[in-house]
Structure formats: C-alpha cells, structure tokens
Amino acid sequence: MGVVEEAHNLKVLGSGDRVIVLAHGFGTDQSVWKHLVPHLVDDFRVVLYDNMGAGTTNPEYFDFNRYATLEGYAYDLLAILEEIHVDSCIFVGHSVSAMVGAVASISRPDFFSKIIMISGSPRYLNDVDYYGGFEQEELDQLFEAMEANYKAWCSGFAPLVVGGDLESVAVQEFSRTLFNMRPDISLSVAQTIFQSDMRQILNLVTVPCHILQSVKDLAVPVVVSEYLHQNLGGESIVEVMSSDGHLPQLSSPDIVIPVLLKHIRYDISVA
C-alpha cells in the first residue's frame, strides 16, 4: 500500500468500467456514505477516502500550511486519482469537498466526467450582493467556542448542522466523527473552510456540475445553490431536495439516495 492510500484510508469497492469517487465534508469521514455505497457497488468501482484531518487519519500527516487553503485538499484528490490510475470519474463531493472537486477539475478536467455537489458553497460569509449565511462575528464566536471547550462545542454544533431530531442516529454519528478529530486540527480546518472564498474560480470550472441542496440547511442557504448554477463555467443543473440539514445523505437517506442515483445516471449534455 502506498503512502497516499494509507494516509487517506483509501478503499476501492465494487466493479464496473465506470469509477465514482465519494468525498466527505468537514467533521465527517467516509462512513457518511454508508447508505449510498450499497446502491453503487454492482455497477461502479467506488472510491472512498478520508480528507486529511478527519478523525480517522493520522494527525502526524496534517500539515497546517498545506491545508490552510482548499488547494491542499485538491492536490490530495488529484494524487489519489493518479495513484489508482483513474482516467475519468464521477465525483460526488459533500460540503467543502464540492469545492475541492471544482478546484481539482480546473487543472485536470479530463479526470472528471461530472461533479455532483451536495450542500456545496463557494463562500459562507455574507458579502455585498452575496448571501452566504454567516456574518464574521458569528464565525468568530464559533471558533472561540471550539477553542474554549471542544467537546461541548461538538455536542451543540452537531444537532444544529444535521437538523431534525436531536436524538437521531445521524446526529450521534456526526457527533462521533466530529469529536474524533483532534481539536486543534478541527479548528484549523473549520477556519480554512468558513473563511474560504471560491467565487472567483467558479467560471473556470468547465466540467458539468449537478448541484444538490437541502431546502433547509444551517450552513448553506438555498440561494447559494442558485448562485453556483449561475456562476459555474460549464453546464450545471440544480435540485433542491425536501431534506433538512447539511448532511442529508446521512440524515435523510430515503429522500437523498434516489436523487443522488438519478443524478449519477443522468447526463446533462444529452438532456
């Protein structure tokens, strides 16, 4: 096993000519895809990996400078695709990984036949003529709470982000993966993500993009999905799902999995 494979807990499941890559968002790991994977392994080679900094990865590999921008994660993704000789894939990116996939596709569009973005956002901060959902003061308070008492912050943040029932399995699952992260790494990753602004690169993305968004999501307002649709450089399509929360593939699989499967099989350019 190579360093890249070991560092990211890389798994390749299933068989088939086509490759589908599943990339998770902040505070989770590849287990967030557990409801989707069984529907894919008969028809696809399914690639699962953990973003550096996830609680399942070795913290010794986390380079605070490299991961101070989303480009660090995009380079990791390209290294993974090269390591396992993927010529072209359908990339499913959740949350920050939606933008990581977009960044990676700018330098290597040939690697991506399409990008499916779930709960993706190019910027979380509000700006002139842009509604991202957060004011700087709110983010500062979030970072302070993470530093002050990480465990308490996790147990408060998880139900807000997942949405729905406080006692749900999805909330417990997200709390677990969030708490598994080393607190200083989690804070650094959160700062990188929440302070990122990828609006200026959207027009450079030429790969077809499918934008999937929960109707109610604490982290990403619905208007952001429309902003992505209007500003991405290639063809794109938006579907707002009736799910609640930022991790709908975990909290509302009955709603989200059929939508995901439809978009995995649907080709915009032919439509």
C-alpha atoms as a PDB file:
ATOM      1  CA  MET A   1       0.000   0.000   0.000  1.00  0.00           C
ATOM      2  CA  GLY A   2       1.361   3.411  -0.992  1.00  0.00           C
ATOM      3  CA  VAL A   3       1.662   6.424   1.294  1.00  0.00           C
ATOM      4  CA  VAL A   4      -1.281   8.160  -0.403  1.00  0.00           C
ATOM      5  CA  GLU A   5      -3.532   5.139   0.079  1.00  0.00           C
ATOM      6  CA  GLU A   6      -2.526   4.645   3.687  1.00  0.00           C
ATOM      7  CA  ALA A   7      -2.738   8.331   4.624  1.00  0.00           C
ATOM      8  CA  HIS A   8      -6.288   8.697   3.291  1.00  0.00           C
ATOM      9  CA  ASN A   9      -7.613   5.221   4.243  1.00  0.00           C
ATOM     10  CA  LEU A  10      -8.322   4.684   0.561  1.00  0.00           C
ATOM     11  CA  LYS A  11     -10.836   1.973  -0.320  1.00  0.00           C
ATOM     12  CA  VAL A  12     -11.927   0.791  -3.761  1.00  0.00           C
ATOM     13  CA  LEU A  13     -15.099  -1.307  -3.745  1.00  0.00           C
ATOM     14  CA  GLY A  14     -17.270  -2.928  -6.381  1.00  0.00           C
ATOM     15  CA  SER A  15     -16.624  -3.473 -10.033  1.00  0.00           C
ATOM     16  CA  GLY A  16     -17.546  -1.921 -13.319  1.00  0.00           C
ATOM     17  CA  ASP A  17     -15.970   0.161 -16.038  1.00  0.00           C
ATOM     18  CA  ARG A  18     -17.018   3.489 -14.546  1.00  0.00           C
ATOM     19  CA  VAL A  19     -15.471   4.990 -11.430  1.00  0.00           C
ATOM     20  CA  ILE A  20     -17.333   7.021  -8.829  1.00  0.00           C
ATOM     21  CA  VAL A  21     -15.400   8.922  -6.142  1.00  0.00           C
ATOM     22  CA  LEU A  22     -17.135   9.864  -2.878  1.00  0.00           C
ATOM     23  CA  ALA A  23     -15.596  12.726  -0.881  1.00  0.00           C
ATOM     24  CA  HIS A  24     -16.912  13.792   2.535  1.00  0.00           C
ATOM     25  CA  GLY A  25     -17.233  17.194   4.201  1.00  0.00           C
ATOM     26  CA  PHE A  26     -15.988  18.791   7.420  1.00  0.00           C
ATOM     27  CA  GLY A  27     -16.322  16.807  10.625  1.00  0.00           C
ATOM     28  CA  THR A  28     -17.128  13.509   8.929  1.00  0.00           C
ATOM     29  CA  ASP A  29     -15.224  10.698   7.236  1.00  0.00           C
ATOM     30  CA  GLN A  30     -16.024   8.168   4.507  1.00  0.00           C
ATOM     31  CA  SER A  31     -18.603   6.469   6.766  1.00  0.00           C
ATOM     32  CA  VAL A  32     -21.012   9.302   5.885  1.00  0.00           C
ATOM     33  CA  TRP A  33     -21.635   7.438   2.586  1.00  0.00           C
ATOM     34  CA  LYS A  34     -22.784   4.184   4.199  1.00  0.00           C
ATOM     35  CA  HIS A  35     -26.369   4.477   2.884  1.00  0.00           C
ATOM     36  CA  LEU A  36     -25.248   5.195  -0.691  1.00  0.00           C
ATOM     37  CA  VAL A  37     -22.418   2.696  -1.247  1.00  0.00           C
ATOM     38  CA  PRO A  38     -24.591  -0.474  -1.370  1.00  0.00           C
ATOM     39  CA  HIS A  39     -26.526   1.041  -4.308  1.00  0.00           C
ATOM     40  CA  LEU A  40     -23.338   1.619  -6.331  1.00  0.00           C
ATOM     41  CA  VAL A  41     -21.034  -1.378  -5.914  1.00  0.00           C
ATOM     42  CA  ASP A  42     -22.795  -3.555  -8.508  1.00  0.00           C
ATOM     43  CA  ASP A  43     -22.353  -1.011 -11.303  1.00  0.00           C
ATOM     44  CA  PHE A  44     -19.309   1.071 -10.384  1.00  0.00           C
ATOM     45  CA  ARG A  45     -15.842   0.991  -8.941  1.00  0.00           C
ATOM     46  CA  VAL A  46     -16.459   3.068  -5.838  1.00  0.00           C
ATOM     47  CA  VAL A  47     -13.540   5.052  -4.423  1.00  0.00           C
ATOM     48  CA  LEU A  48     -13.789   6.146  -0.782  1.00  0.00           C
ATOM     49  CA  TYR A  49     -11.195   8.186   1.071  1.00  0.00           C
ATOM     50  CA  ASP A  50     -10.804  10.393   4.140  1.00  0.00           C
ATOM     51  CA  ASN A  51      -9.771  14.034   3.885  1.00  0.00           C
ATOM     52  CA  MET A  52      -6.594  14.777   5.782  1.00  0.00           C
ATOM     53  CA  GLY A  53      -7.518  15.942   9.282  1.00  0.00           C
ATOM     54  CA  ALA A  54     -10.530  13.641   9.600  1.00  0.00           C
ATOM     55  CA  GLY A  55     -10.554  11.742  12.897  1.00  0.00           C
ATOM     56  CA  THR A  56      -9.739   8.507  11.074  1.00  0.00           C
ATOM     57  CA  THR A  57      -6.485   9.899   9.609  1.00  0.00           C
ATOM     58  CA  ASN A  58      -3.091  10.089  11.280  1.00  0.00           C
ATOM     59  CA  PRO A  59      -2.747  13.629  12.702  1.00  0.00           C
ATOM     60  CA  GLU A  60       1.007  13.456  12.053  1.00  0.00           C
ATOM     61  CA  TYR A  61       0.225  13.800   8.327  1.00  0.00           C
ATOM     62  CA  PHE A  62      -1.733  17.024   8.816  1.00  0.00           C
ATOM     63  CA  ASP A  63       0.258  19.991   7.519  1.00  0.00           C
ATOM     64  CA  PHE A  64      -1.290  23.217   8.832  1.00  0.00           C
ATOM     65  CA  ASN A  65       0.216  25.263   5.982  1.00  0.00           C
ATOM     66  CA  ARG A  66      -0.800  22.884   3.196  1.00  0.00           C
ATOM     67  CA  TYR A  67      -4.392  22.741   4.444  1.00  0.00           C
ATOM     68  CA  ALA A  68      -4.725  26.470   5.067  1.00  0.00           C
ATOM     69  CA  THR A  69      -6.336  26.624   1.601  1.00  0.00           C
ATOM     70  CA  LEU A  70      -8.649  24.277  -0.275  1.00  0.00           C
ATOM     71  CA  GLU A  71      -5.938  23.765  -2.895  1.00  0.00           C
ATOM     72  CA  GLY A  72      -4.126  21.453  -0.463  1.00  0.00           C
ATOM     73  CA  TYR A  73      -7.131  19.126  -0.482  1.00  0.00           C
ATOM     74  CA  ALA A  74      -7.458  19.412  -4.270  1.00  0.00           C
ATOM     75  CA  TYR A  75      -3.825  18.293  -4.704  1.00  0.00           C
ATOM     76  CA  ASP A  76      -4.580  15.316  -2.442  1.00  0.00           C
ATOM     77  CA  LEU A  77      -7.562  14.370  -4.593  1.00  0.00           C
ATOM     78  CA  LEU A  78      -5.505  14.518  -7.798  1.00  0.00           C
ATOM     79  CA  ALA A  79      -2.759  12.426  -6.149  1.00  0.00           C
ATOM     80  CA  ILE A  80      -5.355   9.812  -5.158  1.00  0.00           C
ATOM     81  CA  LEU A  81      -6.767   9.619  -8.705  1.00  0.00           C
ATOM     82  CA  GLU A  82      -3.263   9.267 -10.138  1.00  0.00           C
ATOM     83  CA  GLU A  83      -2.276   6.648  -7.541  1.00  0.00           C
ATOM     84  CA  ILE A  84      -5.136   4.328  -8.511  1.00  0.00           C
ATOM     85  CA  HIS A  85      -4.921   5.136 -12.249  1.00  0.00           C
ATOM     86  CA  VAL A  86      -8.343   6.748 -12.636  1.00  0.00           C
ATOM     87  CA  ASP A  87      -8.705   8.251 -16.115  1.00  0.00           C
ATOM     88  CA  SER A  88     -12.164   9.666 -15.546  1.00  0.00           C
ATOM     89  CA  CYS A  89     -14.660   9.603 -12.703  1.00  0.00           C
ATOM     90  CA  ILE A  90     -17.997  10.862 -11.487  1.00  0.00           C
ATOM     91  CA  PHE A  91     -17.034  12.894  -8.430  1.00  0.00           C
ATOM     92  CA  VAL A  92     -19.526  13.282  -5.584  1.00  0.00           C
ATOM     93  CA  GLY A  93     -18.353  15.980  -3.188  1.00  0.00           C
ATOM     94  CA  HIS A  94     -20.165  16.808   0.037  1.00  0.00           C
ATOM     95  CA  SER A  95     -19.862  20.277   1.594  1.00  0.00           C
ATOM     96  CA  VAL A  96     -16.239  21.503   1.328  1.00  0.00           C
ATOM     97  CA  SER A  97     -15.390  18.596  -0.983  1.00  0.00           C
ATOM     98  CA  ALA A  98     -17.770  20.032  -3.593  1.00  0.00           C
ATOM     99  CA  MET A  99     -15.391  23.000  -3.909  1.00  0.00           C
ATOM    100  CA  VAL A 100     -12.319  20.763  -3.614  1.00  0.00           C
ATOM    101  CA  GLY A 101     -13.571  18.794  -6.622  1.00  0.00           C
ATOM    102  CA  ALA A 102     -14.221  22.023  -8.503  1.00  0.00           C
ATOM    103  CA  VAL A 103     -10.674  23.282  -7.833  1.00  0.00           C
ATOM    104  CA  ALA A 104      -9.134  19.938  -8.838  1.00  0.00           C
ATOM    105  CA  SER A 105     -11.183  19.878 -12.050  1.00  0.00           C
ATOM    106  CA  ILE A 106      -9.753  23.207 -13.204  1.00  0.00           C
ATOM    107  CA  SER A 107      -6.253  21.770 -13.556  1.00  0.00           C
ATOM    108  CA  ARG A 108      -7.354  18.288 -14.677  1.00  0.00           C
ATOM    109  CA  PRO A 109     -10.820  18.469 -16.298  1.00  0.00           C
ATOM    110  CA  ASP A 110     -10.072  15.154 -18.050  1.00  0.00           C
ATOM    111  CA  PHE A 111     -10.238  13.372 -14.682  1.00  0.00           C
ATOM    112  CA  PHE A 112     -13.903  14.334 -14.136  1.00  0.00           C
ATOM    113  CA  SER A 113     -16.877  13.409 -16.317  1.00  0.00           C
ATOM    114  CA  LYS A 114     -19.125  15.289 -13.894  1.00  0.00           C
ATOM    115  CA  ILE A 115     -19.185  16.711 -10.385  1.00  0.00           C
ATOM    116  CA  ILE A 116     -22.139  16.186  -8.083  1.00  0.00           C
ATOM    117  CA  MET A 117     -22.134  18.811  -5.342  1.00  0.00           C
ATOM    118  CA  ILE A 118     -24.101  18.132  -2.157  1.00  0.00           C
ATOM    119  CA  SER A 119     -24.519  21.113   0.198  1.00  0.00           C
ATOM    120  CA  GLY A 120     -21.653  22.943  -1.529  1.00  0.00           C
ATOM    121  CA  SER A 121     -20.830  26.618  -1.039  1.00  0.00           C
ATOM    122  CA  PRO A 122     -18.197  28.884  -2.602  1.00  0.00           C
ATOM    123  CA  ARG A 123     -18.351  31.285   0.375  1.00  0.00           C
ATOM    124  CA  TYR A 124     -20.017  31.049   3.789  1.00  0.00           C
ATOM    125  CA  LEU A 125     -19.621  34.706   4.717  1.00  0.00           C
ATOM    126  CA  ASN A 126     -22.124  37.309   3.630  1.00  0.00           C
ATOM    127  CA  ASP A 127     -20.751  39.977   1.306  1.00  0.00           C
ATOM    128  CA  VAL A 128     -22.059  42.887  -0.728  1.00  0.00           C
ATOM    129  CA  ASP A 129     -24.682  41.387  -3.089  1.00  0.00           C
ATOM    130  CA  TYR A 130     -23.956  37.887  -1.787  1.00  0.00           C
ATOM    131  CA  TYR A 131     -25.737  35.913   0.926  1.00  0.00           C
ATOM    132  CA  GLY A 132     -23.575  33.105   2.307  1.00  0.00           C
ATOM    133  CA  GLY A 133     -25.436  32.707   5.594  1.00  0.00           C
ATOM    134  CA  PHE A 134     -22.902  33.969   8.166  1.00  0.00           C
ATOM    135  CA  GLU A 135     -21.545  37.255   9.484  1.00  0.00           C
ATOM    136  CA  GLN A 136     -17.881  37.411  10.547  1.00  0.00           C
ATOM    137  CA  GLU A 137     -18.913  37.928  14.172  1.00  0.00           C
ATOM    138  CA  GLU A 138     -20.868  34.656  14.151  1.00  0.00           C
ATOM    139  CA  LEU A 139     -17.872  32.774  12.784  1.00  0.00           C
ATOM    140  CA  ASP A 140     -15.564  34.340  15.371  1.00  0.00           C
ATOM    141  CA  GLN A 141     -17.914  33.149  18.116  1.00  0.00           C
ATOM    142  CA  LEU A 142     -17.958  29.660  16.593  1.00  0.00           C
ATOM    143  CA  PHE A 143     -14.138  29.492  16.544  1.00  0.00           C
ATOM    144  CA  GLU A 144     -13.938  30.797  20.138  1.00  0.00           C
ATOM    145  CA  ALA A 145     -16.395  28.134  21.307  1.00  0.00           C
ATOM    146  CA  MET A 146     -14.345  25.417  19.585  1.00  0.00           C
ATOM    147  CA  GLU A 147     -11.204  26.607  21.380  1.00  0.00           C
ATOM    148  CA  ALA A 148     -12.845  27.023  24.769  1.00  0.00           C
ATOM    149  CA  ASN A 149     -14.422  23.556  25.105  1.00  0.00           C
ATOM    150  CA  TYR A 150     -14.258  21.341  22.059  1.00  0.00           C
ATOM    151  CA  LYS A 151     -16.381  18.508  23.418  1.00  0.00           C
ATOM    152  CA  ALA A 152     -19.178  20.862  24.489  1.00  0.00           C
ATOM    153  CA  TRP A 153     -18.994  22.629  21.129  1.00  0.00           C
ATOM    154  CA  CYS A 154     -19.331  19.305  19.256  1.00  0.00           C
ATOM    155  CA  SER A 155     -22.437  18.285  21.170  1.00  0.00           C
ATOM    156  CA  GLY A 156     -24.061  21.658  20.452  1.00  0.00           C
ATOM    157  CA  PHE A 157     -22.921  22.015  16.828  1.00  0.00           C
ATOM    158  CA  ALA A 158     -23.839  18.511  15.617  1.00  0.00           C
ATOM    159  CA  PRO A 159     -27.651  18.728  16.055  1.00  0.00           C
ATOM    160  CA  LEU A 160     -27.730  22.234  14.554  1.00  0.00           C
ATOM    161  CA  VAL A 161     -25.891  21.142  11.419  1.00  0.00           C
ATOM    162  CA  VAL A 162     -27.616  17.791  10.951  1.00  0.00           C
ATOM    163  CA  GLY A 163     -31.068  19.271  11.642  1.00  0.00           C
ATOM    164  CA  GLY A 164     -34.147  17.300  12.575  1.00  0.00           C
ATOM    165  CA  ASP A 165     -34.315  15.108  15.656  1.00  0.00           C
ATOM    166  CA  LEU A 166     -31.748  15.809  18.394  1.00  0.00           C
ATOM    167  CA  GLU A 167     -31.663  12.147  19.371  1.00  0.00           C
ATOM    168  CA  SER A 168     -31.335  10.827  15.831  1.00  0.00           C
ATOM    169  CA  VAL A 169     -28.720   8.292  14.772  1.00  0.00           C
ATOM    170  CA  ALA A 170     -27.417  10.842  12.240  1.00  0.00           C
ATOM    171  CA  VAL A 171     -26.761  13.410  14.997  1.00  0.00           C
ATOM    172  CA  GLN A 172     -24.999  10.771  17.099  1.00  0.00           C
ATOM    173  CA  GLU A 173     -22.951   9.692  14.088  1.00  0.00           C
ATOM    174  CA  PHE A 174     -21.878  13.258  13.224  1.00  0.00           C
ATOM    175  CA  SER A 175     -21.078  13.988  16.892  1.00  0.00           C
ATOM    176  CA  ARG A 176     -18.856  10.905  16.926  1.00  0.00           C
ATOM    177  CA  THR A 177     -16.865  11.735  13.771  1.00  0.00           C
ATOM    178  CA  LEU A 178     -16.591  15.412  14.776  1.00  0.00           C
ATOM    179  CA  PHE A 179     -15.320  14.526  18.238  1.00  0.00           C
ATOM    180  CA  ASN A 180     -12.797  12.078  16.725  1.00  0.00           C
ATOM    181  CA  MET A 181     -10.923  14.997  15.156  1.00  0.00           C
ATOM    182  CA  ARG A 182      -8.022  16.456  17.090  1.00  0.00           C
ATOM    183  CA  PRO A 183      -9.369  19.794  18.410  1.00  0.00           C
ATOM    184  CA  ASP A 184      -6.562  21.993  17.046  1.00  0.00           C
ATOM    185  CA  ILE A 185      -6.837  20.352  13.625  1.00  0.00           C
ATOM    186  CA  SER A 186     -10.626  20.682  13.653  1.00  0.00           C
ATOM    187  CA  LEU A 187     -10.353  24.397  14.451  1.00  0.00           C
ATOM    188  CA  SER A 188      -7.805  24.943  11.677  1.00  0.00           C
ATOM    189  CA  VAL A 189      -9.951  23.059   9.129  1.00  0.00           C
ATOM    190  CA  ALA A 190     -13.086  24.963  10.175  1.00  0.00           C
ATOM    191  CA  GLN A 191     -11.277  28.291   9.817  1.00  0.00           C
ATOM    192  CA  THR A 192      -9.973  27.354   6.360  1.00  0.00           C
ATOM    193  CA  ILE A 193     -13.430  26.288   5.162  1.00  0.00           C
ATOM    194  CA  PHE A 194     -15.554  29.041   6.695  1.00  0.00           C
ATOM    195  CA  GLN A 195     -13.140  31.804   5.638  1.00  0.00           C
ATOM    196  CA  SER A 196     -12.720  30.466   2.090  1.00  0.00           C
ATOM    197  CA  ASP A 197     -13.940  32.393  -0.935  1.00  0.00           C
ATOM    198  CA  MET A 198     -14.007  30.370  -4.153  1.00  0.00           C
ATOM    199  CA  ARG A 199     -16.350  32.622  -6.108  1.00  0.00           C
ATOM    200  CA  GLN A 200     -13.583  33.881  -8.404  1.00  0.00           C
ATOM    201  CA  ILE A 201     -12.728  30.361  -9.688  1.00  0.00           C
ATOM    202  CA  LEU A 202     -16.248  29.151 -10.467  1.00  0.00           C
ATOM    203  CA  ASN A 203     -16.179  30.365 -14.067  1.00  0.00           C
ATOM    204  CA  LEU A 204     -13.030  28.265 -14.667  1.00  0.00           C
ATOM    205  CA  VAL A 205     -14.918  25.044 -13.885  1.00  0.00           C
ATOM    206  CA  THR A 206     -15.886  23.529 -17.241  1.00  0.00           C
ATOM    207  CA  VAL A 207     -16.955  20.049 -16.075  1.00  0.00           C
ATOM    208  CA  PRO A 208     -20.761  19.530 -15.876  1.00  0.00           C
ATOM    209  CA  CYS A 209     -21.993  20.077 -12.310  1.00  0.00           C
ATOM    210  CA  HIS A 210     -25.101  18.745 -10.567  1.00  0.00           C
ATOM    211  CA  ILE A 211     -25.911  20.920  -7.537  1.00  0.00           C
ATOM    212  CA  LEU A 212     -27.990  19.192  -4.837  1.00  0.00           C
ATOM    213  CA  GLN A 213     -29.149  21.159  -1.825  1.00  0.00           C
ATOM    214  CA  SER A 214     -31.402  20.625   1.203  1.00  0.00           C
ATOM    215  CA  VAL A 215     -34.334  23.025   1.388  1.00  0.00           C
ATOM    216  CA  LYS A 216     -33.260  23.765   4.978  1.00  0.00           C
ATOM    217  CA  ASP A 217     -29.538  23.844   5.790  1.00  0.00           C
ATOM    218  CA  LEU A 218     -27.964  25.840   8.624  1.00  0.00           C
ATOM    219  CA  ALA A 219     -24.614  26.090   6.827  1.00  0.00           C
ATOM    220  CA  VAL A 220     -25.745  26.770   3.242  1.00  0.00           C
ATOM    221  CA  PRO A 221     -28.806  28.855   2.315  1.00  0.00           C
ATOM    222  CA  VAL A 222     -30.758  27.635  -0.722  1.00  0.00           C
ATOM    223  CA  VAL A 223     -29.867  30.803  -2.681  1.00  0.00           C
ATOM    224  CA  VAL A 224     -26.240  29.607  -2.734  1.00  0.00           C
ATOM    225  CA  SER A 225     -27.171  26.675  -4.980  1.00  0.00           C
ATOM    226  CA  GLU A 226     -28.656  29.129  -7.475  1.00  0.00           C
ATOM    227  CA  TYR A 227     -25.514  31.284  -7.225  1.00  0.00           C
ATOM    228  CA  LEU A 228     -23.373  28.255  -8.120  1.00  0.00           C
ATOM    229  CA  HIS A 229     -25.671  27.434 -11.029  1.00  0.00           C
ATOM    230  CA  GLN A 230     -25.389  30.983 -12.426  1.00  0.00           C
ATOM    231  CA  ASN A 231     -21.617  31.288 -11.993  1.00  0.00           C
ATOM    232  CA  LEU A 232     -20.081  27.905 -12.839  1.00  0.00           C
ATOM    233  CA  GLY A 233     -18.278  27.934 -16.186  1.00  0.00           C
ATOM    234  CA  GLY A 234     -19.743  24.723 -17.595  1.00  0.00           C
ATOM    235  CA  GLU A 235     -23.205  23.256 -17.770  1.00  0.00           C
ATOM    236  CA  SER A 236     -24.990  22.848 -14.462  1.00  0.00           C
ATOM    237  CA  ILE A 237     -28.294  21.738 -13.017  1.00  0.00           C
ATOM    238  CA  VAL A 238     -29.816  22.381  -9.558  1.00  0.00           C
ATOM    239  CA  GLU A 239     -32.122  20.226  -7.483  1.00  0.00           C
ATOM    240  CA  VAL A 240     -33.405  21.421  -4.119  1.00  0.00           C
ATOM    241  CA  MET A 241     -34.364  18.389  -2.038  1.00  0.00           C
ATOM    242  CA  SER A 242     -37.039  18.260   0.665  1.00  0.00           C
ATOM    243  CA  SER A 243     -34.391  17.144   3.179  1.00  0.00           C
ATOM    244  CA  ASP A 244     -33.451  19.075   6.329  1.00  0.00           C
ATOM    245  CA  GLY A 245     -29.836  19.677   7.267  1.00  0.00           C
ATOM    246  CA  HIS A 246     -26.285  19.845   5.953  1.00  0.00           C
ATOM    247  CA  LEU A 247     -25.645  16.072   5.879  1.00  0.00           C
ATOM    248  CA  PRO A 248     -28.768  14.870   4.091  1.00  0.00           C
ATOM    249  CA  GLN A 249     -27.135  11.683   2.767  1.00  0.00           C
ATOM    250  CA  LEU A 250     -26.795  10.643   6.430  1.00  0.00           C
ATOM    251  CA  SER A 251     -29.947  12.132   7.966  1.00  0.00           C
ATOM    252  CA  SER A 252     -32.477  11.658   5.132  1.00  0.00           C
ATOM    253  CA  PRO A 253     -31.206   8.766   3.001  1.00  0.00           C
ATOM    254  CA  ASP A 254     -34.745   7.816   1.919  1.00  0.00           C
ATOM    255  CA  ILE A 255     -35.071  11.232   0.227  1.00  0.00           C
ATOM    256  CA  VAL A 256     -31.487  11.772  -0.891  1.00  0.00           C
ATOM    257  CA  ILE A 257     -30.254   8.396  -2.156  1.00  0.00           C
ATOM    258  CA  PRO A 258     -32.835   8.175  -5.009  1.00  0.00           C
ATOM    259  CA  VAL A 259     -31.987  11.774  -6.021  1.00  0.00           C
ATOM    260  CA  LEU A 260     -28.263  11.014  -5.972  1.00  0.00           C
ATOM    261  CA  LEU A 261     -28.687   7.851  -8.025  1.00  0.00           C
ATOM    262  CA  LYS A 262     -30.747   9.756 -10.575  1.00  0.00           C
ATOM    263  CA  HIS A 263     -28.033  12.424 -10.954  1.00  0.00           C
ATOM    264  CA  ILE A 264     -25.257   9.848 -11.095  1.00  0.00           C
ATOM    265  CA  ARG A 265     -27.009   8.258 -14.087  1.00  0.00           C
ATOM    266  CA  TYR A 266     -28.243  11.479 -15.707  1.00  0.00           C
ATOM    267  CA  ASP A 267     -26.141  13.229 -18.352  1.00  0.00           C
ATOM    268  CA  ILE A 268     -26.812  16.969 -18.626  1.00  0.00           C
ATOM    269  CA  SER A 269     -25.173  17.319 -22.011  1.00  0.00           C
ATOM    270  CA  VAL A 270     -27.557  14.797 -23.546  1.00  0.00           C
ATOM    271  CA  ALA A 271     -30.667  16.230 -21.868  1.00  0.00           C
END
